[in-house]
Protein backbone atom coordinates (compact mmCIF):
# COMPACT_ATOMS: atom_id res chain seq x y z
CA MET A 1 88.35 68.69 70.34
CA VAL A 2 91.02 66.46 70.86
CA ASP A 3 94.77 67.63 70.44
CA GLY A 4 93.94 70.53 68.26
CA THR A 5 91.53 68.46 65.98
CA VAL A 6 87.91 69.17 65.51
CA ALA A 7 85.79 66.46 64.12
CA GLY A 8 87.39 65.55 60.86
CA GLY A 9 89.90 68.46 60.89
CA THR A 10 91.88 70.77 62.44
CA PHE A 11 90.74 74.24 63.96
CA ASP A 12 92.52 75.63 61.10
CA ASP A 13 90.38 73.60 58.84
CA GLU A 14 87.47 74.82 60.46
CA LEU A 15 88.54 78.51 60.12
CA GLU A 16 89.11 78.06 56.29
CA ALA A 17 85.77 76.17 55.92
CA LEU A 18 84.27 79.42 57.44
CA GLY A 19 86.12 81.64 54.97
CA PHE A 20 88.97 82.89 57.10
CA ARG A 21 92.41 83.28 55.60
CA ALA A 22 95.60 83.21 57.49
CA GLN A 23 97.48 86.52 57.56
CA GLY A 24 100.48 85.85 59.44
CA GLU A 25 101.36 86.74 63.29
CA SER A 26 99.63 89.16 65.47
CA ARG A 27 101.40 91.88 67.24
CA ARG A 28 100.36 90.02 70.24
CA GLY A 29 102.05 86.90 69.37
CA GLY A 30 99.26 84.82 67.99
CA ARG A 31 98.25 83.82 64.51
CA MET A 32 96.06 86.30 62.80
CA TRP A 33 92.95 85.34 60.44
CA THR A 34 90.77 87.53 58.43
CA LEU A 35 87.43 87.02 57.10
CA PRO A 36 86.55 89.87 54.65
CA PHE A 37 82.55 89.14 55.09
CA ASN A 38 81.31 92.00 52.26
CA ARG A 39 83.10 94.82 50.83
CA TYR A 40 82.75 96.89 54.06
CA LEU A 41 83.05 94.23 56.88
CA THR A 42 86.05 92.35 57.91
CA PHE A 43 86.16 89.93 60.92
CA MET A 44 89.84 89.51 62.33
CA LEU A 45 90.66 86.67 64.49
CA HIS A 46 93.79 86.17 66.98
CA ASP A 47 94.50 82.45 67.64
CA TYR A 48 96.49 82.09 70.69
CA HIS A 49 96.36 78.16 70.50
CA ASP A 50 94.41 77.64 73.68
CA ASN A 51 91.67 80.66 73.02
CA ILE A 52 90.87 82.98 70.04
CA VAL A 53 90.12 86.59 70.03
CA LEU A 54 87.56 88.10 67.53
CA THR A 55 87.12 91.61 66.45
CA TRP A 56 85.62 93.10 63.44
CA SER A 57 85.88 96.59 61.40
CA PHE A 58 83.12 98.12 59.31
CA GLU A 59 84.43 100.72 56.72
CA LEU A 60 81.77 103.14 57.59
CA GLY A 61 82.95 106.07 55.52
CA ASP A 62 83.01 104.11 52.56
CA TYR A 63 79.71 102.56 53.06
CA LEU A 64 78.06 106.08 53.46
CA LEU A 65 79.89 107.57 50.49
CA ALA A 66 78.62 104.63 48.43
CA ARG A 67 75.07 105.78 49.30
CA GLY A 68 75.83 109.54 48.77
CA TRP A 69 75.76 110.37 52.43
CA GLN A 70 78.64 112.01 54.34
CA VAL A 71 79.70 112.29 57.92
CA SER A 72 81.19 115.59 59.38
CA THR A 73 84.67 114.48 59.14
CA THR A 74 87.14 115.56 56.42
CA ASP A 75 88.57 112.18 55.35
CA THR A 76 85.56 109.90 55.51
CA SER A 77 87.59 106.97 54.06
CA THR A 78 89.24 106.44 57.54
CA THR A 79 85.98 106.34 59.39
CA GLU A 80 85.72 103.12 60.87
CA LEU A 81 82.95 101.29 63.14
CA TYR A 82 84.64 98.57 65.40
CA PRO A 83 83.40 97.10 68.74
CA GLN A 84 84.34 98.62 71.84
CA HIS A 85 85.58 95.44 73.19
CA ASP A 86 87.02 92.23 71.38
CA VAL A 87 85.49 88.87 72.41
CA LYS A 88 87.77 85.96 73.67
CA LEU A 89 86.40 82.39 72.74
CA PRO A 90 87.54 78.99 73.29
CA LEU A 91 89.05 76.99 70.19
CA ASP A 92 85.60 76.05 69.16
CA ALA A 93 84.12 76.83 65.59
CA ALA A 94 80.62 76.70 66.80
CA ALA A 95 81.15 79.21 69.42
CA LEU A 96 82.87 81.33 66.74
CA ARG A 97 80.14 81.04 64.40
CA GLY A 98 77.73 82.00 67.15
CA GLU A 99 79.68 85.19 67.89
CA ILE A 100 79.78 86.08 63.96
CA THR A 101 75.94 85.52 64.00
CA ARG A 102 75.41 87.64 67.05
CA VAL A 103 77.60 90.59 65.64
CA LEU A 104 75.86 90.48 62.53
CA SER A 105 72.41 91.00 64.27
CA THR A 106 73.73 93.86 66.26
CA LEU A 107 74.85 95.57 63.05
CA ARG A 108 71.21 95.52 61.47
CA LEU A 109 70.29 99.36 62.42
CA ASP A 110 67.00 101.17 61.06
CA LEU A 111 67.85 104.70 60.90
CA GLY A 112 64.45 105.58 60.49
CA ASP A 113 63.25 103.75 63.71
CA PRO A 114 61.43 106.17 65.82
CA SER A 115 62.63 104.49 69.11
CA LEU A 116 66.05 105.31 68.45
């Protein structure tokens, strides 16, 4: 990366190519981007111009209801799964893709796995 430009485009161009869309300013002062990965999983990125912070949320309550399951809370529509810690990354699309891949691999869960 040279002067905010990444191989043929800006970092913003790289984010848009990955499917992220600008959502305005975050509460912490950076620009916020979102990537609705599927109807339950959304990645959120905060761009602070010298690094990015990536987090995600999974609408667990809606996912369970769609499968005919429920959890022991009254309002399952507000039941979300999210990481305990956000991840700070450099302004690097390859690092971002790698982290998204890592997150997706950790979300794979076999509830019938006897080793759980």
